[in-house]
Protein backbone atom coordinates (compact mmCIF):
# COMPACT_ATOMS: atom_id res chain seq x y z
CA MET A 1 -26.25 48.91 -39.92
CA LEU A 2 -26.92 45.52 -39.03
CA TRP A 3 -24.30 43.72 -41.08
CA SER A 4 -21.49 46.14 -38.87
CA VAL A 5 -23.14 45.39 -35.79
CA CYS A 6 -22.89 41.32 -37.12
CA VAL A 7 -19.43 41.75 -38.25
CA TYR A 8 -18.69 43.14 -34.51
CA ALA A 9 -20.58 40.74 -33.19
CA GLY A 10 -18.38 37.94 -34.38
CA LEU A 11 -14.77 39.20 -34.37
CA ILE A 12 -16.10 39.66 -30.46
CA ALA A 13 -17.18 36.53 -30.45
CA THR A 14 -14.03 35.04 -32.23
CA LEU A 15 -11.58 36.41 -30.28
CA TRP A 16 -13.24 36.28 -26.78
CA PHE A 17 -13.12 31.98 -28.01
CA ALA A 18 -9.93 32.24 -29.72
CA TYR A 19 -8.32 33.51 -26.10
CA SER A 20 -10.16 32.40 -23.74
CA LYS A 21 -9.19 28.67 -25.03
CA GLY A 22 -6.36 28.40 -22.58
CA PHE A 23 -4.33 31.60 -24.15
CA PHE A 24 -3.08 33.18 -20.59
CA GLU A 25 -2.34 29.36 -18.75
CA ALA A 26 -0.11 29.07 -22.14
CA MET A 27 1.72 32.69 -21.07
CA GLY A 28 3.00 31.06 -17.98
CA ALA A 29 4.83 27.64 -19.57
CA GLN A 30 7.06 30.22 -22.09
CA SER A 31 9.77 32.11 -23.00
CA PHE A 32 10.01 35.51 -22.42
CA ASP A 33 9.80 36.59 -26.57
CA SER A 34 7.19 34.48 -27.16
CA THR A 35 5.16 35.95 -23.97
CA ILE A 36 5.81 38.95 -25.45
CA LEU A 37 4.66 38.38 -28.33
CA GLN A 38 1.44 36.80 -27.39
CA TYR A 39 1.02 39.94 -25.28
CA GLN A 40 1.79 42.21 -28.45
CA ASP A 41 -0.72 39.35 -30.79
CA LEU A 42 -3.89 40.27 -28.07
CA ALA A 43 -3.20 44.06 -27.54
CA TYR A 44 -3.88 44.63 -32.00
CA HIS A 45 -6.54 42.54 -32.47
CA LEU A 46 -8.29 44.39 -28.88
CA ILE A 47 -7.50 47.20 -30.88
CA ASP A 48 -9.81 46.62 -33.54
CA LEU A 49 -12.21 46.18 -31.39
CA VAL A 50 -12.02 49.54 -29.93
CA VAL A 51 -11.98 51.26 -33.42
CA PRO A 52 -15.84 51.42 -33.99
CA ILE A 53 -16.74 53.31 -30.97
CA ASN A 54 -14.25 55.29 -30.79
CA ASN A 55 -14.81 56.65 -34.41
CA TRP A 56 -19.07 56.72 -34.37
CA ARG A 57 -19.37 60.02 -34.02
CA GLU A 58 -17.29 60.63 -37.23
CA ALA A 59 -19.52 58.28 -39.26
CA ARG A 60 -21.69 60.48 -39.28
CA LYS A 61 -19.70 63.68 -40.34
CA VAL A 62 -19.26 61.71 -43.00
CA ALA A 63 -22.34 59.95 -43.98
CA VAL A 64 -23.34 64.32 -43.75
CA TYR A 65 -20.56 65.23 -46.22
CA MET A 66 -21.02 62.79 -48.45
CA ALA A 67 -24.97 63.59 -49.05
CA SER A 68 -24.72 67.69 -49.42
CA TRP A 69 -21.48 66.17 -51.93
CA SER A 70 -23.78 64.92 -54.13
CA ALA A 71 -26.47 67.48 -54.46
CA PHE A 72 -23.49 69.72 -54.98
CA GLN A 73 -23.29 67.76 -57.79
CA VAL A 74 -26.65 66.93 -58.32
CA ILE A 75 -27.22 71.02 -58.30
CA ASN A 76 -23.95 71.67 -61.18
CA ASN A 77 -24.71 69.49 -63.62
């Protein structure tokens, strides 16, 4: 759990520094195509931040399933 929080915090910090250092200022001086590509890149990385939050409830169900499956294998051996 601690490892997951550290990786998530590292991802947030990396994205913050990468996109706050002149990302939006540089977009005004570029062509339309490169601006669209930068927005797509930003949207691609923002999805990485949302997926763990959305899957938080499902992770508990997967853990329960895996624990019950291992208990099932022990009983049947």
